[in-house]
Each structure stands twice: as structure tokens, then as C-alpha cells.
Amino acid sequence: MAAALRLAGGLRLAARAPGLVLTRSAFVARKPNYDRPNWFGVGLAFSTTAALWVLLFKQHNEDVMEYERRQKEKQHKCTGCS
């Protein structure tokens, strides 16, 4: 199957007009440069992580408060309130 695809790709290249020049893609993979870290990316990653943790703790506290409210409501057996 892979050989057939390579052959078809080669035939397509041969069928193109001879005057066309193949261009290099704008999206080229490069080796990472560890001497100059991407501080914007590092900051973005850490700030996103911190924001997610803050939202997690906030949601947890709201859930605990709701749980405690429902437990008190469940234990309240007064018939005059309702």
C-alpha cells in the first residue's frame, strides 16, 4: 500500500508543469534552542496552571458549602417551617 502511494506521488510530481518551482513550507520544524528559553511560553504555561488551580479551589469551596447547606436542610425536621 505504501509503495503504491509513493508511486502515485511520484507520478503526480512528474505530471506537473516543468516551469513550476517547488517552494519550501512556511511551517518548518526547528531544533529547540535551550540557550534562550521562550519566557512568554513559560509564563503563559505557569499562569494558566495557577488560574486553573484557583478555579479548582474556588469550585471546591462552593461545593463544600452547598454540601453543608444540604446536610443542615436534611437534618431539619420542623414541620412548621414548610
PDB file of N, CA and C in Angstrom:
ATOM      1  N   MET A   1       0.830  -1.189   0.000  1.00  0.00           N
ATOM      2  CA  MET A   1       0.000   0.000   0.000  1.00  0.00           C
ATOM      3  C   MET A   1       0.868   1.244   0.000  1.00  0.00           C
ATOM      4  N   ALA A   2       1.918   1.266   0.843  1.00  0.00           N
ATOM      5  CA  ALA A   2       2.779   2.438   0.922  1.00  0.00           C
ATOM      6  C   ALA A   2       3.555   2.631  -0.383  1.00  0.00           C
ATOM      7  N   ALA A   3       3.957   1.533  -1.000  1.00  0.00           N
ATOM      8  CA  ALA A   3       4.688   1.640  -2.264  1.00  0.00           C
ATOM      9  C   ALA A   3       3.791   2.224  -3.343  1.00  0.00           C
ATOM     10  N   ALA A   4       2.524   1.839  -3.344  1.00  0.00           N
ATOM     11  CA  ALA A   4       1.590   2.379  -4.342  1.00  0.00           C
ATOM     12  C   ALA A   4       1.384   3.872  -4.139  1.00  0.00           C
ATOM     13  N   LEU A   5       1.324   4.308  -2.879  1.00  0.00           N
ATOM     14  CA  LEU A   5       1.166   5.739  -2.609  1.00  0.00           C
ATOM     15  C   LEU A   5       2.400   6.524  -3.039  1.00  0.00           C
ATOM     16  N   ARG A   6       3.590   5.964  -2.805  1.00  0.00           N
ATOM     17  CA  ARG A   6       4.815   6.647  -3.240  1.00  0.00           C
ATOM     18  C   ARG A   6       4.861   6.758  -4.753  1.00  0.00           C
ATOM     19  N   LEU A   7       4.447   5.705  -5.427  1.00  0.00           N
ATOM     20  CA  LEU A   7       4.444   5.715  -6.886  1.00  0.00           C
ATOM     21  C   LEU A   7       3.459   6.758  -7.401  1.00  0.00           C
ATOM     22  N   ALA A   8       2.276   6.819  -6.797  1.00  0.00           N
ATOM     23  CA  ALA A   8       1.271   7.801  -7.217  1.00  0.00           C
ATOM     24  C   ALA A   8       1.777   9.220  -6.960  1.00  0.00           C
ATOM     25  N   GLY A   9       2.451   9.426  -5.845  1.00  0.00           N
ATOM     26  CA  GLY A   9       3.005  10.747  -5.552  1.00  0.00           C
ATOM     27  C   GLY A   9       4.082  11.135  -6.549  1.00  0.00           C
ATOM     28  N   GLY A  10       4.910  10.180  -6.918  1.00  0.00           N
ATOM     29  CA  GLY A  10       5.953  10.453  -7.910  1.00  0.00           C
ATOM     30  C   GLY A  10       5.368  10.770  -9.273  1.00  0.00           C
ATOM     31  N   LEU A  11       4.298  10.083  -9.633  1.00  0.00           N
ATOM     32  CA  LEU A  11       3.646  10.355 -10.908  1.00  0.00           C
ATOM     33  C   LEU A  11       3.008  11.737 -10.922  1.00  0.00           C
ATOM     34  N   ARG A  12       2.473  12.141  -9.802  1.00  0.00           N
ATOM     35  CA  ARG A  12       1.895  13.489  -9.746  1.00  0.00           C
ATOM     36  C   ARG A  12       2.973  14.547  -9.903  1.00  0.00           C
ATOM     37  N   LEU A  13       4.134  14.337  -9.281  1.00  0.00           N
ATOM     38  CA  LEU A  13       5.229  15.293  -9.433  1.00  0.00           C
ATOM     39  C   LEU A  13       5.704  15.359 -10.881  1.00  0.00           C
ATOM     40  N   ALA A  14       5.740  14.212 -11.552  1.00  0.00           N
ATOM     41  CA  ALA A  14       6.197  14.189 -12.940  1.00  0.00           C
ATOM     42  C   ALA A  14       5.172  14.819 -13.878  1.00  0.00           C
ATOM     43  N   ALA A  15       3.903  14.805 -13.497  1.00  0.00           N
ATOM     44  CA  ALA A  15       2.854  15.339 -14.355  1.00  0.00           C
ATOM     45  C   ALA A  15       2.741  16.860 -14.262  1.00  0.00           C
ATOM     46  N   ARG A  16       3.378  17.479 -13.303  1.00  0.00           N
ATOM     47  CA  ARG A  16       3.296  18.931 -13.160  1.00  0.00           C
ATOM     48  C   ARG A  16       4.038  19.615 -14.291  1.00  0.00           C
ATOM     49  N   ALA A  17       3.705  20.878 -14.442  1.00  0.00           N
ATOM     50  CA  ALA A  17       4.365  21.672 -15.474  1.00  0.00           C
ATOM     51  C   ALA A  17       5.844  21.818 -15.129  1.00  0.00           C
ATOM     52  N   PRO A  18       6.729  21.745 -16.112  1.00  0.00           N
ATOM     53  CA  PRO A  18       8.162  21.782 -15.824  1.00  0.00           C
ATOM     54  C   PRO A  18       8.644  23.136 -15.301  1.00  0.00           C
ATOM     55  N   GLY A  19       7.884  24.193 -15.524  1.00  0.00           N
ATOM     56  CA  GLY A  19       8.341  25.517 -15.102  1.00  0.00           C
ATOM     57  C   GLY A  19       8.047  25.826 -13.648  1.00  0.00           C
ATOM     58  N   LEU A  20       7.234  25.014 -12.980  1.00  0.00           N
ATOM     59  CA  LEU A  20       6.886  25.291 -11.586  1.00  0.00           C
ATOM     60  C   LEU A  20       8.039  24.923 -10.666  1.00  0.00           C
ATOM     61  N   VAL A  21       8.291  25.788  -9.725  1.00  0.00           N
ATOM     62  CA  VAL A  21       9.359  25.555  -8.757  1.00  0.00           C
ATOM     63  C   VAL A  21       8.707  25.157  -7.437  1.00  0.00           C
ATOM     64  N   LEU A  22       9.186  24.093  -6.849  1.00  0.00           N
ATOM     65  CA  LEU A  22       8.666  23.690  -5.550  1.00  0.00           C
ATOM     66  C   LEU A  22       9.139  24.672  -4.499  1.00  0.00           C
ATOM     67  N   THR A  23       8.218  25.147  -3.654  1.00  0.00           N
ATOM     68  CA  THR A  23       8.579  26.114  -2.615  1.00  0.00           C
ATOM     69  C   THR A  23       8.667  25.424  -1.274  1.00  0.00           C
ATOM     70  N   ARG A  24       9.397  26.016  -0.380  1.00  0.00           N
ATOM     71  CA  ARG A  24       9.558  25.486   0.964  1.00  0.00           C
ATOM     72  C   ARG A  24       8.382  25.942   1.817  1.00  0.00           C
ATOM     73  N   SER A  25       7.907  25.076   2.655  1.00  0.00           N
ATOM     74  CA  SER A  25       6.775  25.394   3.510  1.00  0.00           C
ATOM     75  C   SER A  25       7.170  26.436   4.548  1.00  0.00           C
ATOM     76  N   ALA A  26       6.198  27.268   4.927  1.00  0.00           N
ATOM     77  CA  ALA A  26       6.445  28.271   5.964  1.00  0.00           C
ATOM     78  C   ALA A  26       6.523  27.619   7.339  1.00  0.00           C
ATOM     79  N   PHE A  27       5.949  26.435   7.486  1.00  0.00           N
ATOM     80  CA  PHE A  27       5.930  25.743   8.768  1.00  0.00           C
ATOM     81  C   PHE A  27       7.034  24.695   8.774  1.00  0.00           C
ATOM     82  N   VAL A  28       8.204  25.110   9.180  1.00  0.00           N
ATOM     83  CA  VAL A  28       9.362  24.230   9.190  1.00  0.00           C
ATOM     84  C   VAL A  28       9.721  23.933  10.645  1.00  0.00           C
ATOM     85  N   ALA A  29       9.914  22.679  10.956  1.00  0.00           N
ATOM     86  CA  ALA A  29      10.300  22.301  12.318  1.00  0.00           C
ATOM     87  C   ALA A  29      11.764  22.671  12.547  1.00  0.00           C
ATOM     88  N   ARG A  30      12.024  23.258  13.701  1.00  0.00           N
ATOM     89  CA  ARG A  30      13.385  23.624  14.061  1.00  0.00           C
ATOM     90  C   ARG A  30      13.769  22.934  15.362  1.00  0.00           C
ATOM     91  N   LYS A  31      15.049  22.771  15.548  1.00  0.00           N
ATOM     92  CA  LYS A  31      15.516  22.232  16.823  1.00  0.00           C
ATOM     93  C   LYS A  31      15.352  23.307  17.888  1.00  0.00           C
ATOM     94  N   PRO A  32      14.927  22.916  19.093  1.00  0.00           N
ATOM     95  CA  PRO A  32      14.754  23.917  20.147  1.00  0.00           C
ATOM     96  C   PRO A  32      16.096  24.482  20.587  1.00  0.00           C
ATOM     97  N   ASN A  33      16.093  25.766  20.876  1.00  0.00           N
ATOM     98  CA  ASN A  33      17.298  26.446  21.347  1.00  0.00           C
ATOM     99  C   ASN A  33      17.187  26.561  22.869  1.00  0.00           C
ATOM    100  N   TYR A  34      17.924  25.721  23.584  1.00  0.00           N
ATOM    101  CA  TYR A  34      17.838  25.708  25.036  1.00  0.00           C
ATOM    102  C   TYR A  34      18.643  26.836  25.679  1.00  0.00           C
ATOM    103  N   ASP A  35      19.434  27.550  24.912  1.00  0.00           N
ATOM    104  CA  ASP A  35      20.186  28.675  25.458  1.00  0.00           C
ATOM    105  C   ASP A  35      19.285  29.884  25.698  1.00  0.00           C
ATOM    106  N   ARG A  36      18.228  30.009  24.911  1.00  0.00           N
ATOM    107  CA  ARG A  36      17.295  31.128  25.050  1.00  0.00           C
ATOM    108  C   ARG A  36      15.887  30.571  25.206  1.00  0.00           C
ATOM    109  N   PRO A  37      15.439  30.360  26.451  1.00  0.00           N
ATOM    110  CA  PRO A  37      14.104  29.795  26.659  1.00  0.00           C
ATOM    111  C   PRO A  37      13.012  30.767  26.200  1.00  0.00           C
ATOM    112  N   ASN A  38      11.882  30.211  25.850  1.00  0.00           N
ATOM    113  CA  ASN A  38      10.736  31.008  25.448  1.00  0.00           C
ATOM    114  C   ASN A  38      10.009  31.454  26.721  1.00  0.00           C
ATOM    115  N   TRP A  39      10.388  32.601  27.257  1.00  0.00           N
ATOM    116  CA  TRP A  39       9.849  33.044  28.535  1.00  0.00           C
ATOM    117  C   TRP A  39       8.366  33.362  28.443  1.00  0.00           C
ATOM    118  N   PHE A  40       7.902  33.811  27.302  1.00  0.00           N
ATOM    119  CA  PHE A  40       6.475  34.064  27.135  1.00  0.00           C
ATOM    120  C   PHE A  40       5.692  32.760  27.281  1.00  0.00           C
ATOM    121  N   GLY A  41       6.170  31.712  26.643  1.00  0.00           N
ATOM    122  CA  GLY A  41       5.502  30.415  26.738  1.00  0.00           C
ATOM    123  C   GLY A  41       5.561  29.848  28.147  1.00  0.00           C
ATOM    124  N   VAL A  42       6.699  30.023  28.807  1.00  0.00           N
ATOM    125  CA  VAL A  42       6.851  29.535  30.181  1.00  0.00           C
ATOM    126  C   VAL A  42       5.882  30.274  31.102  1.00  0.00           C
ATOM    127  N   GLY A  43       5.836  31.597  30.964  1.00  0.00           N
ATOM    128  CA  GLY A  43       4.918  32.399  31.786  1.00  0.00           C
ATOM    129  C   GLY A  43       3.467  32.060  31.514  1.00  0.00           C
ATOM    130  N   LEU A  44       3.146  31.861  30.256  1.00  0.00           N
ATOM    131  CA  LEU A  44       1.778  31.509  29.889  1.00  0.00           C
ATOM    132  C   LEU A  44       1.389  30.161  30.482  1.00  0.00           C
ATOM    133  N   ALA A  45       2.291  29.202  30.442  1.00  0.00           N
ATOM    134  CA  ALA A  45       2.003  27.878  30.993  1.00  0.00           C
ATOM    135  C   ALA A  45       1.794  27.950  32.504  1.00  0.00           C
ATOM    136  N   PHE A  46       2.683  28.650  33.215  1.00  0.00           N
ATOM    137  CA  PHE A  46       2.552  28.731  34.667  1.00  0.00           C
ATOM    138  C   PHE A  46       1.340  29.544  35.091  1.00  0.00           C
ATOM    139  N   SER A  47       1.049  30.635  34.386  1.00  0.00           N
ATOM    140  CA  SER A  47      -0.112  31.440  34.762  1.00  0.00           C
ATOM    141  C   SER A  47      -1.410  30.697  34.483  1.00  0.00           C
ATOM    142  N   THR A  48      -1.448  29.936  33.407  1.00  0.00           N
ATOM    143  CA  THR A  48      -2.636  29.132  33.117  1.00  0.00           C
ATOM    144  C   THR A  48      -2.826  28.072  34.186  1.00  0.00           C
ATOM    145  N   THR A  49      -1.744  27.437  34.593  1.00  0.00           N
ATOM    146  CA  THR A  49      -1.821  26.426  35.647  1.00  0.00           C
ATOM    147  C   THR A  49      -2.307  27.037  36.951  1.00  0.00           C
ATOM    148  N   ALA A  50      -1.769  28.206  37.304  1.00  0.00           N
ATOM    149  CA  ALA A  50      -2.185  28.877  38.544  1.00  0.00           C
ATOM    150  C   ALA A  50      -3.660  29.262  38.476  1.00  0.00           C
ATOM    151  N   ALA A  51      -4.115  29.771  37.348  1.00  0.00           N
ATOM    152  CA  ALA A  51      -5.521  30.158  37.209  1.00  0.00           C
ATOM    153  C   ALA A  51      -6.436  28.945  37.332  1.00  0.00           C
ATOM    154  N   LEU A  52      -6.038  27.823  36.750  1.00  0.00           N
ATOM    155  CA  LEU A  52      -6.852  26.612  36.856  1.00  0.00           C
ATOM    156  C   LEU A  52      -6.922  26.103  38.292  1.00  0.00           C
ATOM    157  N   TRP A  53      -5.808  26.199  39.026  1.00  0.00           N
ATOM    158  CA  TRP A  53      -5.818  25.773  40.425  1.00  0.00           C
ATOM    159  C   TRP A  53      -6.707  26.685  41.265  1.00  0.00           C
ATOM    160  N   VAL A  54      -6.673  27.986  41.000  1.00  0.00           N
ATOM    161  CA  VAL A  54      -7.532  28.929  41.731  1.00  0.00           C
ATOM    162  C   VAL A  54      -8.997  28.598  41.473  1.00  0.00           C
ATOM    163  N   LEU A  55      -9.340  28.356  40.209  1.00  0.00           N
ATOM    164  CA  LEU A  55     -10.722  27.998  39.884  1.00  0.00           C
ATOM    165  C   LEU A  55     -11.120  26.673  40.539  1.00  0.00           C
ATOM    166  N   LEU A  56     -10.191  25.732  40.599  1.00  0.00           N
ATOM    167  CA  LEU A  56     -10.463  24.447  41.228  1.00  0.00           C
ATOM    168  C   LEU A  56     -10.762  24.612  42.719  1.00  0.00           C
ATOM    169  N   PHE A  57      -9.946  25.392  43.435  1.00  0.00           N
ATOM    170  CA  PHE A  57     -10.169  25.610  44.858  1.00  0.00           C
ATOM    171  C   PHE A  57     -11.465  26.376  45.103  1.00  0.00           C
ATOM    172  N   LYS A  58     -11.745  27.361  44.267  1.00  0.00           N
ATOM    173  CA  LYS A  58     -12.975  28.137  44.407  1.00  0.00           C
ATOM    174  C   LYS A  58     -14.194  27.221  44.228  1.00  0.00           C
ATOM    175  N   GLN A  59     -14.180  26.406  43.199  1.00  0.00           N
ATOM    176  CA  GLN A  59     -15.290  25.487  42.949  1.00  0.00           C
ATOM    177  C   GLN A  59     -15.424  24.476  44.086  1.00  0.00           C
ATOM    178  N   HIS A  60     -14.309  23.998  44.607  1.00  0.00           N
ATOM    179  CA  HIS A  60     -14.344  23.047  45.715  1.00  0.00           C
ATOM    180  C   HIS A  60     -14.987  23.682  46.950  1.00  0.00           C
ATOM    181  N   ASN A  61     -14.604  24.915  47.262  1.00  0.00           N
ATOM    182  CA  ASN A  61     -15.172  25.595  48.428  1.00  0.00           C
ATOM    183  C   ASN A  61     -16.678  25.799  48.256  1.00  0.00           C
ATOM    184  N   GLU A  62     -17.103  26.163  47.044  1.00  0.00           N
ATOM    185  CA  GLU A  62     -18.541  26.324  46.793  1.00  0.00           C
ATOM    186  C   GLU A  62     -19.269  24.995  46.937  1.00  0.00           C
ATOM    187  N   ASP A  63     -18.669  23.930  46.467  1.00  0.00           N
ATOM    188  CA  ASP A  63     -19.282  22.606  46.575  1.00  0.00           C
ATOM    189  C   ASP A  63     -19.396  22.161  48.035  1.00  0.00           C
ATOM    190  N   VAL A  64     -18.370  22.443  48.835  1.00  0.00           N
ATOM    191  CA  VAL A  64     -18.403  22.081  50.253  1.00  0.00           C
ATOM    192  C   VAL A  64     -19.492  22.872  50.967  1.00  0.00           C
ATOM    193  N   MET A  65     -19.598  24.165  50.671  1.00  0.00           N
ATOM    194  CA  MET A  65     -20.644  24.987  51.296  1.00  0.00           C
ATOM    195  C   MET A  65     -22.040  24.477  50.916  1.00  0.00           C
ATOM    196  N   GLU A  66     -22.227  24.110  49.666  1.00  0.00           N
ATOM    197  CA  GLU A  66     -23.518  23.580  49.213  1.00  0.00           C
ATOM    198  C   GLU A  66     -23.816  22.246  49.893  1.00  0.00           C
ATOM    199  N   TYR A  67     -22.805  21.411  50.038  1.00  0.00           N
ATOM    200  CA  TYR A  67     -22.982  20.118  50.717  1.00  0.00           C
ATOM    201  C   TYR A  67     -23.416  20.332  52.172  1.00  0.00           C
ATOM    202  N   GLU A  68     -22.732  21.250  52.865  1.00  0.00           N
ATOM    203  CA  GLU A  68     -23.065  21.509  54.265  1.00  0.00           C
ATOM    204  C   GLU A  68     -24.464  22.101  54.393  1.00  0.00           C
ATOM    205  N   ARG A  69     -24.852  22.974  53.466  1.00  0.00           N
ATOM    206  CA  ARG A  69     -26.193  23.561  53.495  1.00  0.00           C
ATOM    207  C   ARG A  69     -27.254  22.471  53.317  1.00  0.00           C
ATOM    208  N   ARG A  70     -27.027  21.555  52.398  1.00  0.00           N
ATOM    209  CA  ARG A  70     -27.998  20.486  52.164  1.00  0.00           C
ATOM    210  C   ARG A  70     -28.064  19.518  53.348  1.00  0.00           C
ATOM    211  N   GLN A  71     -26.912  19.293  54.006  1.00  0.00           N
ATOM    212  CA  GLN A  71     -26.912  18.416  55.177  1.00  0.00           C
ATOM    213  C   GLN A  71     -27.723  19.040  56.312  1.00  0.00           C
ATOM    214  N   LYS A  72     -27.593  20.350  56.522  1.00  0.00           N
ATOM    215  CA  LYS A  72     -28.373  21.031  57.561  1.00  0.00           C
ATOM    216  C   LYS A  72     -29.848  20.999  57.210  1.00  0.00           C
ATOM    217  N   GLU A  73     -30.155  21.210  55.935  1.00  0.00           N
ATOM    218  CA  GLU A  73     -31.538  21.190  55.485  1.00  0.00           C
ATOM    219  C   GLU A  73     -32.147  19.801  55.654  1.00  0.00           C
ATOM    220  N   LYS A  74     -31.353  18.787  55.418  1.00  0.00           N
ATOM    221  CA  LYS A  74     -31.820  17.405  55.535  1.00  0.00           C
ATOM    222  C   LYS A  74     -32.105  17.036  57.002  1.00  0.00           C
ATOM    223  N   GLN A  75     -31.299  17.562  57.928  1.00  0.00           N
ATOM    224  CA  GLN A  75     -31.453  17.248  59.339  1.00  0.00           C
ATOM    225  C   GLN A  75     -32.582  18.041  59.983  1.00  0.00           C
ATOM    226  N   HIS A  76     -32.981  19.120  59.361  1.00  0.00           N
ATOM    227  CA  HIS A  76     -34.042  19.978  59.930  1.00  0.00           C
ATOM    228  C   HIS A  76     -35.386  19.308  59.691  1.00  0.00           C
ATOM    229  N   LYS A  77     -36.066  18.887  60.749  1.00  0.00           N
ATOM    230  CA  LYS A  77     -37.315  18.118  60.619  1.00  0.00           C
ATOM    231  C   LYS A  77     -38.537  18.923  61.076  1.00  0.00           C
ATOM    232  N   CYS A  78     -38.435  20.203  61.172  1.00  0.00           N
ATOM    233  CA  CYS A  78     -39.524  21.017  61.653  1.00  0.00           C
ATOM    234  C   CYS A  78     -40.658  21.077  60.624  1.00  0.00           C
ATOM    235  N   THR A  79     -41.866  20.782  61.008  1.00  0.00           N
ATOM    236  CA  THR A  79     -42.997  20.825  60.067  1.00  0.00           C
ATOM    237  C   THR A  79     -43.602  22.224  59.989  1.00  0.00           C
ATOM    238  N   GLY A  80     -43.310  23.083  60.936  1.00  0.00           N
ATOM    239  CA  GLY A  80     -43.863  24.439  60.921  1.00  0.00           C
ATOM    240  C   GLY A  80     -43.164  25.350  59.919  1.00  0.00           C
ATOM    241  N   CYS A  81     -41.955  25.003  59.499  1.00  0.00           N
ATOM    242  CA  CYS A  81     -41.192  25.863  58.562  1.00  0.00           C
ATOM    243  C   CYS A  81     -41.716  25.754  57.134  1.00  0.00           C
ATOM    244  N   SER A  82     -42.193  24.596  56.750  1.00  0.00           N
ATOM    245  CA  SER A  82     -42.567  24.416  55.351  1.00  0.00           C
ATOM    246  C   SER A  82     -44.009  24.594  55.095  1.00  0.00           C
TER     247      SER A  82
END
